[in-house]
PDB file of N, CA and C in Angstrom:
ATOM      1  N   UNK A   1      15.154  33.756   6.409  1.00  0.00           N
ATOM      2  CA  UNK A   1      14.917  32.520   7.116  1.00  0.00           C
ATOM      3  C   UNK A   1      13.572  31.896   6.689  1.00  0.00           C
ATOM      4  N   UNK A   2      13.425  30.600   6.512  1.00  0.00           N
ATOM      5  CA  UNK A   2      12.269  29.976   5.992  1.00  0.00           C
ATOM      6  C   UNK A   2      11.357  29.954   7.145  1.00  0.00           C
ATOM      7  N   UNK A   3      10.002  29.925   6.822  1.00  0.00           N
ATOM      8  CA  UNK A   3       8.970  29.811   7.860  1.00  0.00           C
ATOM      9  C   UNK A   3       8.141  28.757   7.632  1.00  0.00           C
ATOM     10  N   UNK A   4       7.482  28.276   8.562  1.00  0.00           N
ATOM     11  CA  UNK A   4       6.352  27.188   8.369  1.00  0.00           C
ATOM     12  C   UNK A   4       5.047  27.600   9.087  1.00  0.00           C
ATOM     13  N   UNK A   5       4.085  27.062   8.542  1.00  0.00           N
ATOM     14  CA  UNK A   5       2.595  27.392   9.157  1.00  0.00           C
ATOM     15  C   UNK A   5       2.234  26.106   9.730  1.00  0.00           C
ATOM     16  N   UNK A   6       1.879  26.244  11.066  1.00  0.00           N
ATOM     17  CA  UNK A   6       1.293  24.972  11.661  1.00  0.00           C
ATOM     18  C   UNK A   6      -0.016  24.468  11.038  1.00  0.00           C
ATOM     19  N   UNK A   7      -0.136  23.222  10.850  1.00  0.00           N
ATOM     20  CA  UNK A   7      -1.175  22.623  10.127  1.00  0.00           C
ATOM     21  C   UNK A   7      -2.072  21.689  10.871  1.00  0.00           C
ATOM     22  N   UNK A   8      -1.362  20.727  11.669  1.00  0.00           N
ATOM     23  CA  UNK A   8      -2.213  19.790  12.582  1.00  0.00           C
ATOM     24  C   UNK A   8      -1.195  19.156  13.475  1.00  0.00           C
ATOM     25  N   UNK A   9      -1.703  18.547  14.539  1.00  0.00           N
ATOM     26  CA  UNK A   9      -0.862  17.787  15.393  1.00  0.00           C
ATOM     27  C   UNK A   9       0.017  16.701  14.886  1.00  0.00           C
ATOM     28  N   UNK A  10      -0.601  15.848  14.012  1.00  0.00           N
ATOM     29  CA  UNK A  10       0.133  14.854  13.229  1.00  0.00           C
ATOM     30  C   UNK A  10      -0.081  13.475  13.723  1.00  0.00           C
ATOM     31  N   UNK A  11      -0.775  13.052  14.658  1.00  0.00           N
ATOM     32  CA  UNK A  11      -1.032  11.681  15.051  1.00  0.00           C
ATOM     33  C   UNK A  11      -1.859  10.947  13.928  1.00  0.00           C
ATOM     34  N   UNK A  12      -2.660  11.917  13.401  1.00  0.00           N
ATOM     35  CA  UNK A  12      -3.532  11.307  12.193  1.00  0.00           C
ATOM     36  C   UNK A  12      -3.240  12.235  10.958  1.00  0.00           C
ATOM     37  N   UNK A  13      -3.413  11.825   9.803  1.00  0.00           N
ATOM     38  CA  UNK A  13      -3.271  12.691   8.608  1.00  0.00           C
ATOM     39  C   UNK A  13      -4.557  12.479   7.689  1.00  0.00           C
ATOM     40  N   UNK A  14      -4.845  13.500   7.002  1.00  0.00           N
ATOM     41  CA  UNK A  14      -6.033  13.254   6.207  1.00  0.00           C
ATOM     42  C   UNK A  14      -5.701  12.297   5.057  1.00  0.00           C
ATOM     43  N   UNK A  15      -6.628  11.377   4.639  1.00  0.00           N
ATOM     44  CA  UNK A  15      -6.199  10.467   3.741  1.00  0.00           C
ATOM     45  C   UNK A  15      -7.503  10.146   2.828  1.00  0.00           C
ATOM     46  N   UNK A  16      -7.312  10.155   1.557  1.00  0.00           N
ATOM     47  CA  UNK A  16      -8.372   9.847   0.534  1.00  0.00           C
ATOM     48  C   UNK A  16      -8.249   8.361  -0.056  1.00  0.00           C
ATOM     49  N   UNK A  17      -9.364   7.646  -0.028  1.00  0.00           N
ATOM     50  CA  UNK A  17      -9.416   6.458  -0.526  1.00  0.00           C
ATOM     51  C   UNK A  17      -9.495   6.398  -1.933  1.00  0.00           C
ATOM     52  N   UNK A  18      -8.394   6.342  -2.633  1.00  0.00           N
ATOM     53  CA  UNK A  18      -8.258   6.373  -4.028  1.00  0.00           C
ATOM     54  C   UNK A  18      -8.373   4.921  -4.796  1.00  0.00           C
ATOM     55  N   UNK A  19      -8.914   3.934  -4.017  1.00  0.00           N
ATOM     56  CA  UNK A  19      -9.184   2.677  -4.492  1.00  0.00           C
ATOM     57  C   UNK A  19     -10.632   2.625  -5.019  1.00  0.00           C
ATOM     58  N   UNK A  20     -10.954   1.378  -5.507  1.00  0.00           N
ATOM     59  CA  UNK A  20     -12.425   1.131  -5.922  1.00  0.00           C
ATOM     60  C   UNK A  20     -13.190   0.408  -4.880  1.00  0.00           C
ATOM     61  N   UNK A  21     -12.471   0.193  -3.801  1.00  0.00           N
ATOM     62  CA  UNK A  21     -13.110  -0.665  -2.674  1.00  0.00           C
ATOM     63  C   UNK A  21     -13.202   0.228  -1.452  1.00  0.00           C
ATOM     64  N   UNK A  22     -14.123  -0.103  -0.647  1.00  0.00           N
ATOM     65  CA  UNK A  22     -14.248   0.472   0.797  1.00  0.00           C
ATOM     66  C   UNK A  22     -13.019   0.046   1.610  1.00  0.00           C
ATOM     67  N   UNK A  23     -12.638   0.972   2.371  1.00  0.00           N
ATOM     68  CA  UNK A  23     -11.453   0.481   3.443  1.00  0.00           C
ATOM     69  C   UNK A  23     -12.082   0.578   4.836  1.00  0.00           C
ATOM     70  N   UNK A  24     -11.919  -0.544   5.466  1.00  0.00           N
ATOM     71  CA  UNK A  24     -12.324  -0.716   6.902  1.00  0.00           C
ATOM     72  C   UNK A  24     -11.354   0.009   7.966  1.00  0.00           C
ATOM     73  N   UNK A  25     -11.840   0.460   9.027  1.00  0.00           N
ATOM     74  CA  UNK A  25     -11.115   1.044  10.099  1.00  0.00           C
ATOM     75  C   UNK A  25     -10.099  -0.044  10.453  1.00  0.00           C
ATOM     76  N   UNK A  26      -8.954   0.427  10.859  1.00  0.00           N
ATOM     77  CA  UNK A  26      -7.793  -0.633  11.312  1.00  0.00           C
ATOM     78  C   UNK A  26      -7.109  -1.406  10.289  1.00  0.00           C
ATOM     79  N   UNK A  27      -7.504  -1.033   9.066  1.00  0.00           N
ATOM     80  CA  UNK A  27      -6.611  -1.604   7.876  1.00  0.00           C
ATOM     81  C   UNK A  27      -5.315  -1.047   7.782  1.00  0.00           C
ATOM     82  N   UNK A  28      -4.190  -1.966   7.765  1.00  0.00           N
ATOM     83  CA  UNK A  28      -3.074  -1.498   7.641  1.00  0.00           C
ATOM     84  C   UNK A  28      -2.698  -1.032   6.235  1.00  0.00           C
ATOM     85  N   UNK A  29      -2.184   0.190   6.164  1.00  0.00           N
ATOM     86  CA  UNK A  29      -2.087   0.884   4.730  1.00  0.00           C
ATOM     87  C   UNK A  29      -0.586   1.351   4.682  1.00  0.00           C
ATOM     88  N   UNK A  30       0.071   0.918   3.663  1.00  0.00           N
ATOM     89  CA  UNK A  30       1.426   1.616   3.401  1.00  0.00           C
ATOM     90  C   UNK A  30       1.116   3.063   2.814  1.00  0.00           C
ATOM     91  N   UNK A  31       1.887   3.924   3.125  1.00  0.00           N
ATOM     92  CA  UNK A  31       1.850   5.315   2.800  1.00  0.00           C
ATOM     93  C   UNK A  31       3.112   5.816   2.317  1.00  0.00           C
ATOM     94  N   UNK A  32       3.501   5.424   1.032  1.00  0.00           N
ATOM     95  CA  UNK A  32       4.671   5.642   0.562  1.00  0.00           C
ATOM     96  C   UNK A  32       5.609   4.531   1.039  1.00  0.00           C
ATOM     97  N   UNK A  33       6.831   4.919   1.871  1.00  0.00           N
ATOM     98  CA  UNK A  33       7.673   4.054   2.252  1.00  0.00           C
ATOM     99  C   UNK A  33       7.473   3.987   3.949  1.00  0.00           C
ATOM    100  N   UNK A  34       6.418   4.482   4.364  1.00  0.00           N
ATOM    101  CA  UNK A  34       5.963   4.450   5.636  1.00  0.00           C
ATOM    102  C   UNK A  34       4.572   3.596   5.886  1.00  0.00           C
ATOM    103  N   UNK A  35       4.233   3.353   7.191  1.00  0.00           N
ATOM    104  CA  UNK A  35       2.953   2.637   7.456  1.00  0.00           C
ATOM    105  C   UNK A  35       2.179   3.597   8.273  1.00  0.00           C
ATOM    106  N   UNK A  36       0.740   3.358   7.979  1.00  0.00           N
ATOM    107  CA  UNK A  36      -0.290   3.778   8.833  1.00  0.00           C
ATOM    108  C   UNK A  36      -1.313   2.882   8.955  1.00  0.00           C
ATOM    109  N   UNK A  37      -2.381   3.292   9.694  1.00  0.00           N
ATOM    110  CA  UNK A  37      -3.521   2.280  10.129  1.00  0.00           C
ATOM    111  C   UNK A  37      -4.752   3.217   9.941  1.00  0.00           C
ATOM    112  N   UNK A  38      -5.550   2.689   8.898  1.00  0.00           N
ATOM    113  CA  UNK A  38      -6.869   3.521   8.796  1.00  0.00           C
ATOM    114  C   UNK A  38      -7.772   3.924   9.983  1.00  0.00           C
ATOM    115  N   UNK A  39      -7.937   5.112  10.050  1.00  0.00           N
ATOM    116  CA  UNK A  39      -8.768   5.532  11.462  1.00  0.00           C
ATOM    117  C   UNK A  39     -10.264   5.678  11.293  1.00  0.00           C
ATOM    118  N   UNK A  40     -10.724   5.705  10.134  1.00  0.00           N
ATOM    119  CA  UNK A  40     -12.026   5.739   9.773  1.00  0.00           C
ATOM    120  C   UNK A  40     -12.365   5.061   8.686  1.00  0.00           C
ATOM    121  N   UNK A  41     -13.521   4.335   8.652  1.00  0.00           N
ATOM    122  CA  UNK A  41     -13.975   3.761   7.345  1.00  0.00           C
ATOM    123  C   UNK A  41     -14.219   4.680   6.097  1.00  0.00           C
ATOM    124  N   UNK A  42     -13.914   4.319   4.907  1.00  0.00           N
ATOM    125  CA  UNK A  42     -13.982   5.172   3.909  1.00  0.00           C
ATOM    126  C   UNK A  42     -14.397   4.472   2.658  1.00  0.00           C
ATOM    127  N   UNK A  43     -15.523   4.992   1.917  1.00  0.00           N
ATOM    128  CA  UNK A  43     -15.893   4.513   0.642  1.00  0.00           C
ATOM    129  C   UNK A  43     -14.840   5.144  -0.466  1.00  0.00           C
ATOM    130  N   UNK A  44     -14.923   4.408  -1.634  1.00  0.00           N
ATOM    131  CA  UNK A  44     -14.014   4.893  -2.777  1.00  0.00           C
ATOM    132  C   UNK A  44     -14.132   6.485  -2.921  1.00  0.00           C
ATOM    133  N   UNK A  45     -13.191   7.164  -3.019  1.00  0.00           N
ATOM    134  CA  UNK A  45     -13.216   8.590  -3.178  1.00  0.00           C
ATOM    135  C   UNK A  45     -13.469   9.570  -2.069  1.00  0.00           C
ATOM    136  N   UNK A  46     -13.686   8.794  -0.892  1.00  0.00           N
ATOM    137  CA  UNK A  46     -14.072   9.467   0.330  1.00  0.00           C
ATOM    138  C   UNK A  46     -12.743   9.850   1.059  1.00  0.00           C
ATOM    139  N   UNK A  47     -12.759  11.076   1.879  1.00  0.00           N
ATOM    140  CA  UNK A  47     -11.732  11.301   2.658  1.00  0.00           C
ATOM    141  C   UNK A  47     -11.936  10.968   4.051  1.00  0.00           C
ATOM    142  N   UNK A  48     -10.847  10.412   4.741  1.00  0.00           N
ATOM    143  CA  UNK A  48     -10.954  10.074   6.173  1.00  0.00           C
ATOM    144  C   UNK A  48      -9.720  10.315   6.798  1.00  0.00           C
ATOM    145  N   UNK A  49      -9.277   9.479   7.712  1.00  0.00           N
ATOM    146  CA  UNK A  49      -7.970   9.581   8.469  1.00  0.00           C
ATOM    147  C   UNK A  49      -7.171   8.450   8.537  1.00  0.00           C
ATOM    148  N   UNK A  50      -5.883   8.543   8.611  1.00  0.00           N
ATOM    149  CA  UNK A  50      -4.800   7.519   8.760  1.00  0.00           C
ATOM    150  C   UNK A  50      -4.017   7.852   9.824  1.00  0.00           C
ATOM    151  N   UNK A  51      -3.939   6.860  10.870  1.00  0.00           N
ATOM    152  CA  UNK A  51      -3.120   7.024  12.061  1.00  0.00           C
ATOM    153  C   UNK A  51      -1.591   6.713  11.757  1.00  0.00           C
ATOM    154  N   UNK A  52      -0.790   7.680  12.152  1.00  0.00           N
ATOM    155  CA  UNK A  52       0.681   7.513  11.788  1.00  0.00           C
ATOM    156  C   UNK A  52       1.641   7.404  12.823  1.00  0.00           C
ATOM    157  N   UNK A  53       1.014   7.400  14.154  1.00  0.00           N
ATOM    158  CA  UNK A  53       1.762   7.253  15.338  1.00  0.00           C
ATOM    159  C   UNK A  53       1.063   6.361  16.291  1.00  0.00           C
ATOM    160  N   UNK A  54       1.655   5.807  17.205  1.00  0.00           N
ATOM    161  CA  UNK A  54       0.953   4.913  18.175  1.00  0.00           C
ATOM    162  C   UNK A  54       1.488   3.470  18.185  1.00  0.00           C
ATOM    163  N   UNK A  55       0.976   2.603  19.064  1.00  0.00           N
ATOM    164  CA  UNK A  55       1.305   1.268  18.999  1.00  0.00           C
ATOM    165  C   UNK A  55       0.082   0.487  18.575  1.00  0.00           C
ATOM    166  N   UNK A  56       0.389  -0.578  17.703  1.00  0.00           N
ATOM    167  CA  UNK A  56      -0.606  -1.459  17.237  1.00  0.00           C
ATOM    168  C   UNK A  56      -0.201  -2.840  17.133  1.00  0.00           C
ATOM    169  N   UNK A  57      -1.256  -3.739  17.401  1.00  0.00           N
ATOM    170  CA  UNK A  57      -0.855  -5.154  17.319  1.00  0.00           C
ATOM    171  C   UNK A  57      -1.183  -5.471  15.901  1.00  0.00           C
ATOM    172  N   UNK A  58      -0.120  -6.165  15.274  1.00  0.00           N
ATOM    173  CA  UNK A  58       0.021  -6.396  13.813  1.00  0.00           C
ATOM    174  C   UNK A  58       0.223  -7.882  13.521  1.00  0.00           C
ATOM    175  N   UNK A  59      -0.306  -8.593  12.475  1.00  0.00           N
ATOM    176  CA  UNK A  59       0.166  -9.861  12.169  1.00  0.00           C
ATOM    177  C   UNK A  59       1.722  -9.894  11.897  1.00  0.00           C
ATOM    178  N   UNK A  60       2.403 -10.954  12.098  1.00  0.00           N
ATOM    179  CA  UNK A  60       3.751 -10.909  11.726  1.00  0.00           C
ATOM    180  C   UNK A  60       4.100 -12.191  11.129  1.00  0.00           C
ATOM    181  N   UNK A  61       5.160 -12.365  10.389  1.00  0.00           N
ATOM    182  CA  UNK A  61       5.726 -13.414   9.900  1.00  0.00           C
ATOM    183  C   UNK A  61       6.194 -14.531  10.919  1.00  0.00           C
ATOM    184  N   UNK A  62       6.781 -15.629  10.659  1.00  0.00           N
ATOM    185  CA  UNK A  62       7.040 -16.584  11.660  1.00  0.00           C
ATOM    186  C   UNK A  62       8.350 -16.492  12.494  1.00  0.00           C
ATOM    187  N   UNK A  63       9.157 -15.512  12.131  1.00  0.00           N
ATOM    188  CA  UNK A  63      10.221 -15.276  12.830  1.00  0.00           C
ATOM    189  C   UNK A  63      10.232 -14.593  14.392  1.00  0.00           C
ATOM    190  N   UNK A  64      11.141 -14.849  15.079  1.00  0.00           N
ATOM    191  CA  UNK A  64      11.058 -14.124  16.367  1.00  0.00           C
ATOM    192  C   UNK A  64      11.412 -12.643  16.046  1.00  0.00           C
ATOM    193  N   UNK A  65      10.983 -11.669  16.908  1.00  0.00           N
ATOM    194  CA  UNK A  65      11.207 -10.379  16.777  1.00  0.00           C
ATOM    195  C   UNK A  65      11.545  -9.776  18.119  1.00  0.00           C
ATOM    196  N   UNK A  66      12.808  -9.044  18.386  1.00  0.00           N
ATOM    197  CA  UNK A  66      13.179  -8.696  19.689  1.00  0.00           C
ATOM    198  C   UNK A  66      12.637  -7.262  19.841  1.00  0.00           C
ATOM    199  N   UNK A  67      12.445  -6.911  21.158  1.00  0.00           N
ATOM    200  CA  UNK A  67      11.926  -5.627  21.479  1.00  0.00           C
ATOM    201  C   UNK A  67      12.834  -4.689  20.912  1.00  0.00           C
ATOM    202  N   UNK A  68      12.382  -3.481  20.304  1.00  0.00           N
ATOM    203  CA  UNK A  68      13.069  -2.387  19.859  1.00  0.00           C
ATOM    204  C   UNK A  68      13.495  -2.683  18.515  1.00  0.00           C
ATOM    205  N   UNK A  69      13.406  -3.958  17.871  1.00  0.00           N
ATOM    206  CA  UNK A  69      14.033  -4.182  16.509  1.00  0.00           C
ATOM    207  C   UNK A  69      13.090  -3.528  15.570  1.00  0.00           C
ATOM    208  N   UNK A  70      13.822  -2.917  14.540  1.00  0.00           N
ATOM    209  CA  UNK A  70      13.080  -2.402  13.461  1.00  0.00           C
ATOM    210  C   UNK A  70      12.312  -3.481  12.626  1.00  0.00           C
ATOM    211  N   UNK A  71      11.069  -3.187  12.218  1.00  0.00           N
ATOM    212  CA  UNK A  71      10.214  -4.010  11.521  1.00  0.00           C
ATOM    213  C   UNK A  71       9.770  -3.360  10.330  1.00  0.00           C
ATOM    214  N   UNK A  72       9.437  -4.148   9.321  1.00  0.00           N
ATOM    215  CA  UNK A  72       8.962  -3.671   8.012  1.00  0.00           C
ATOM    216  C   UNK A  72       7.576  -4.312   7.772  1.00  0.00           C
ATOM    217  N   UNK A  73       6.804  -3.852   6.745  1.00  0.00           N
ATOM    218  CA  UNK A  73       5.672  -4.460   6.401  1.00  0.00           C
ATOM    219  C   UNK A  73       5.810  -4.967   4.989  1.00  0.00           C
ATOM    220  N   UNK A  74       5.499  -6.402   4.852  1.00  0.00           N
ATOM    221  CA  UNK A  74       5.589  -7.123   3.647  1.00  0.00           C
ATOM    222  C   UNK A  74       4.208  -6.977   3.213  1.00  0.00           C
ATOM    223  N   UNK A  75       3.906  -6.180   2.111  1.00  0.00           N
ATOM    224  CA  UNK A  75       2.428  -5.915   1.717  1.00  0.00           C
ATOM    225  C   UNK A  75       2.045  -7.363   0.864  1.00  0.00           C
ATOM    226  N   UNK A  76       2.948  -8.131   0.368  1.00  0.00           N
ATOM    227  CA  UNK A  76       2.598  -9.346  -0.392  1.00  0.00           C
ATOM    228  C   UNK A  76       1.951 -10.384   0.608  1.00  0.00           C
ATOM    229  N   UNK A  77       2.659 -10.364   1.832  1.00  0.00           N
ATOM    230  CA  UNK A  77       2.223 -11.378   2.806  1.00  0.00           C
ATOM    231  C   UNK A  77       1.137 -10.745   3.813  1.00  0.00           C
ATOM    232  N   UNK A  78       1.055  -9.440   3.681  1.00  0.00           N
ATOM    233  CA  UNK A  78       0.183  -8.699   4.834  1.00  0.00           C
ATOM    234  C   UNK A  78       0.657  -8.795   6.223  1.00  0.00           C
ATOM    235  N   UNK A  79       1.887  -8.952   6.458  1.00  0.00           N
ATOM    236  CA  UNK A  79       2.474  -9.077   7.846  1.00  0.00           C
ATOM    237  C   UNK A  79       3.790  -8.364   8.033  1.00  0.00           C
ATOM    238  N   UNK A  80       4.119  -8.150   9.340  1.00  0.00           N
ATOM    239  CA  UNK A  80       5.448  -7.441   9.685  1.00  0.00           C
ATOM    240  C   UNK A  80       6.538  -8.491   9.746  1.00  0.00           C
ATOM    241  N   UNK A  81       7.585  -7.982   9.331  1.00  0.00           N
ATOM    242  CA  UNK A  81       8.851  -8.884   9.249  1.00  0.00           C
ATOM    243  C   UNK A  81      10.010  -7.941   9.696  1.00  0.00           C
ATOM    244  N   UNK A  82      11.168  -8.768  10.031  1.00  0.00           N
ATOM    245  CA  UNK A  82      12.451  -8.010  10.247  1.00  0.00           C
ATOM    246  C   UNK A  82      13.196  -8.117   9.003  1.00  0.00           C
ATOM    247  N   UNK A  83      12.758  -8.784   7.752  1.00  0.00           N
ATOM    248  CA  UNK A  83      13.479  -8.758   6.693  1.00  0.00           C
ATOM    249  C   UNK A  83      13.216  -7.358   5.885  1.00  0.00           C
ATOM    250  N   UNK A  84      14.146  -6.777   5.407  1.00  0.00           N
ATOM    251  CA  UNK A  84      14.153  -5.460   4.899  1.00  0.00           C
ATOM    252  C   UNK A  84      13.030  -5.388   3.675  1.00  0.00           C
ATOM    253  N   UNK A  85      12.180  -4.485   3.701  1.00  0.00           N
ATOM    254  CA  UNK A  85      11.142  -4.299   2.704  1.00  0.00           C
ATOM    255  C   UNK A  85      11.171  -2.969   2.413  1.00  0.00           C
ATOM    256  N   UNK A  86      10.415  -2.413   1.283  1.00  0.00           N
ATOM    257  CA  UNK A  86      10.361  -1.022   1.102  1.00  0.00           C
ATOM    258  C   UNK A  86       9.498  -0.109   1.992  1.00  0.00           C
ATOM    259  N   UNK A  87       8.687  -0.768   2.953  1.00  0.00           N
ATOM    260  CA  UNK A  87       7.742  -0.099   3.683  1.00  0.00           C
ATOM    261  C   UNK A  87       8.311  -0.284   5.107  1.00  0.00           C
ATOM    262  N   UNK A  88       8.834   0.724   5.921  1.00  0.00           N
ATOM    263  CA  UNK A  88       9.159   0.651   7.305  1.00  0.00           C
ATOM    264  C   UNK A  88       7.994   0.813   8.125  1.00  0.00           C
ATOM    265  N   UNK A  89       7.811  -0.213   8.940  1.00  0.00           N
ATOM    266  CA  UNK A  89       6.491  -0.363   9.829  1.00  0.00           C
ATOM    267  C   UNK A  89       6.992   0.432  11.279  1.00  0.00           C
ATOM    268  N   UNK A  90       8.034   0.379  11.619  1.00  0.00           N
ATOM    269  CA  UNK A  90       8.428   1.077  12.980  1.00  0.00           C
ATOM    270  C   UNK A  90       9.306   0.199  13.690  1.00  0.00           C
ATOM    271  N   UNK A  91       9.154   0.002  15.050  1.00  0.00           N
ATOM    272  CA  UNK A  91       9.844  -1.098  15.809  1.00  0.00           C
ATOM    273  C   UNK A  91       8.981  -1.809  16.700  1.00  0.00           C
ATOM    274  N   UNK A  92       9.491  -2.995  17.225  1.00  0.00           N
ATOM    275  CA  UNK A  92       8.646  -3.796  18.172  1.00  0.00           C
ATOM    276  C   UNK A  92       8.593  -3.240  19.417  1.00  0.00           C
ATOM    277  N   UNK A  93       7.378  -2.921  19.963  1.00  0.00           N
ATOM    278  CA  UNK A  93       7.320  -2.409  21.265  1.00  0.00           C
ATOM    279  C   UNK A  93       7.581  -3.366  22.283  1.00  0.00           C
ATOM    280  N   UNK A  94       7.526  -4.719  21.918  1.00  0.00           N
ATOM    281  CA  UNK A  94       7.904  -5.695  22.926  1.00  0.00           C
ATOM    282  C   UNK A  94       8.360  -6.832  22.122  1.00  0.00           C
ATOM    283  N   UNK A  95       9.104  -7.782  22.640  1.00  0.00           N
ATOM    284  CA  UNK A  95       9.487  -9.096  21.978  1.00  0.00           C
ATOM    285  C   UNK A  95       8.234  -9.950  21.573  1.00  0.00           C
ATOM    286  N   UNK A  96       8.415 -10.545  20.372  1.00  0.00           N
ATOM    287  CA  UNK A  96       7.451 -11.706  19.948  1.00  0.00           C
ATOM    288  C   UNK A  96       8.199 -12.921  19.609  1.00  0.00           C
ATOM    289  N   UNK A  97       7.856 -13.941  20.163  1.00  0.00           N
ATOM    290  CA  UNK A  97       8.305 -15.282  19.826  1.00  0.00           C
ATOM    291  C   UNK A  97       8.175 -15.768  18.445  1.00  0.00           C
ATOM    292  N   UNK A  98       9.015 -16.702  17.980  1.00  0.00           N
ATOM    293  CA  UNK A  98       8.833 -17.274  16.607  1.00  0.00           C
ATOM    294  C   UNK A  98       7.348 -17.708  16.329  1.00  0.00           C
ATOM    295  N   UNK A  99       6.692 -18.409  17.351  1.00  0.00           N
ATOM    296  CA  UNK A  99       5.446 -18.956  17.240  1.00  0.00           C
ATOM    297  C   UNK A  99       4.244 -17.873  17.500  1.00  0.00           C
ATOM    298  N   UNK A 100       4.524 -16.697  17.880  1.00  0.00           N
ATOM    299  CA  UNK A 100       3.461 -15.746  17.968  1.00  0.00           C
ATOM    300  C   UNK A 100       2.961 -15.342  16.626  1.00  0.00           C
ATOM    301  N   UNK A 101       1.643 -15.015  16.586  1.00  0.00           N
ATOM    302  CA  UNK A 101       1.075 -14.494  15.382  1.00  0.00           C
ATOM    303  C   UNK A 101       1.088 -13.185  15.101  1.00  0.00           C
ATOM    304  N   UNK A 102       1.202 -12.332  16.192  1.00  0.00           N
ATOM    305  CA  UNK A 102       1.106 -10.977  16.130  1.00  0.00           C
ATOM    306  C   UNK A 102       2.373 -10.384  17.026  1.00  0.00           C
ATOM    307  N   UNK A 103       2.573  -8.983  16.577  1.00  0.00           N
ATOM    308  CA  UNK A 103       3.635  -8.265  17.488  1.00  0.00           C
ATOM    309  C   UNK A 103       3.055  -6.760  17.730  1.00  0.00           C
ATOM    310  N   UNK A 104       3.428  -6.286  18.772  1.00  0.00           N
ATOM    311  CA  UNK A 104       3.081  -4.895  18.965  1.00  0.00           C
ATOM    312  C   UNK A 104       4.198  -4.045  18.205  1.00  0.00           C
ATOM    313  N   UNK A 105       3.712  -3.087  17.419  1.00  0.00           N
ATOM    314  CA  UNK A 105       4.464  -2.278  16.544  1.00  0.00           C
ATOM    315  C   UNK A 105       4.296  -0.679  17.040  1.00  0.00           C
ATOM    316  N   UNK A 106       5.346  -0.038  17.225  1.00  0.00           N
ATOM    317  CA  UNK A 106       5.264   1.294  17.388  1.00  0.00           C
ATOM    318  C   UNK A 106       5.648   2.072  16.055  1.00  0.00           C
ATOM    319  N   UNK A 107       4.526   2.596  15.573  1.00  0.00           N
ATOM    320  CA  UNK A 107       4.786   3.439  14.382  1.00  0.00           C
ATOM    321  C   UNK A 107       5.692   4.401  14.611  1.00  0.00           C
ATOM    322  N   UNK A 108       6.462   4.890  13.756  1.00  0.00           N
ATOM    323  CA  UNK A 108       7.549   5.792  14.103  1.00  0.00           C
ATOM    324  C   UNK A 108       7.007   7.313  14.107  1.00  0.00           C
ATOM    325  N   UNK A 109       5.914   7.621  13.586  1.00  0.00           N
ATOM    326  CA  UNK A 109       5.311   8.850  13.792  1.00  0.00           C
ATOM    327  C   UNK A 109       6.303   9.940  13.907  1.00  0.00           C
TER     328      UNK A 109
END
């Protein structure tokens, strides 16, 4: 039978800034086909943390989003949408009207 070794709790993961720019805390960051939020400021090449579970207020596109609806991150627009995108953000923690500029998103963690 295969075995695993406990590594960490998993609310945050180690993350290395492999860009040429500093990354500020609370920056929304695609992590493959998932989404995280930068937990610590990082200079280029520096290691910090990315939060991969929890509820975050995020900018959204102009459409209404129902509570519990799956949402995606549109990297080009920098906002959450219900339109299928490569990056799954999670689900809406509460409904947001079409006129709202933000939505509460539960990262799937």
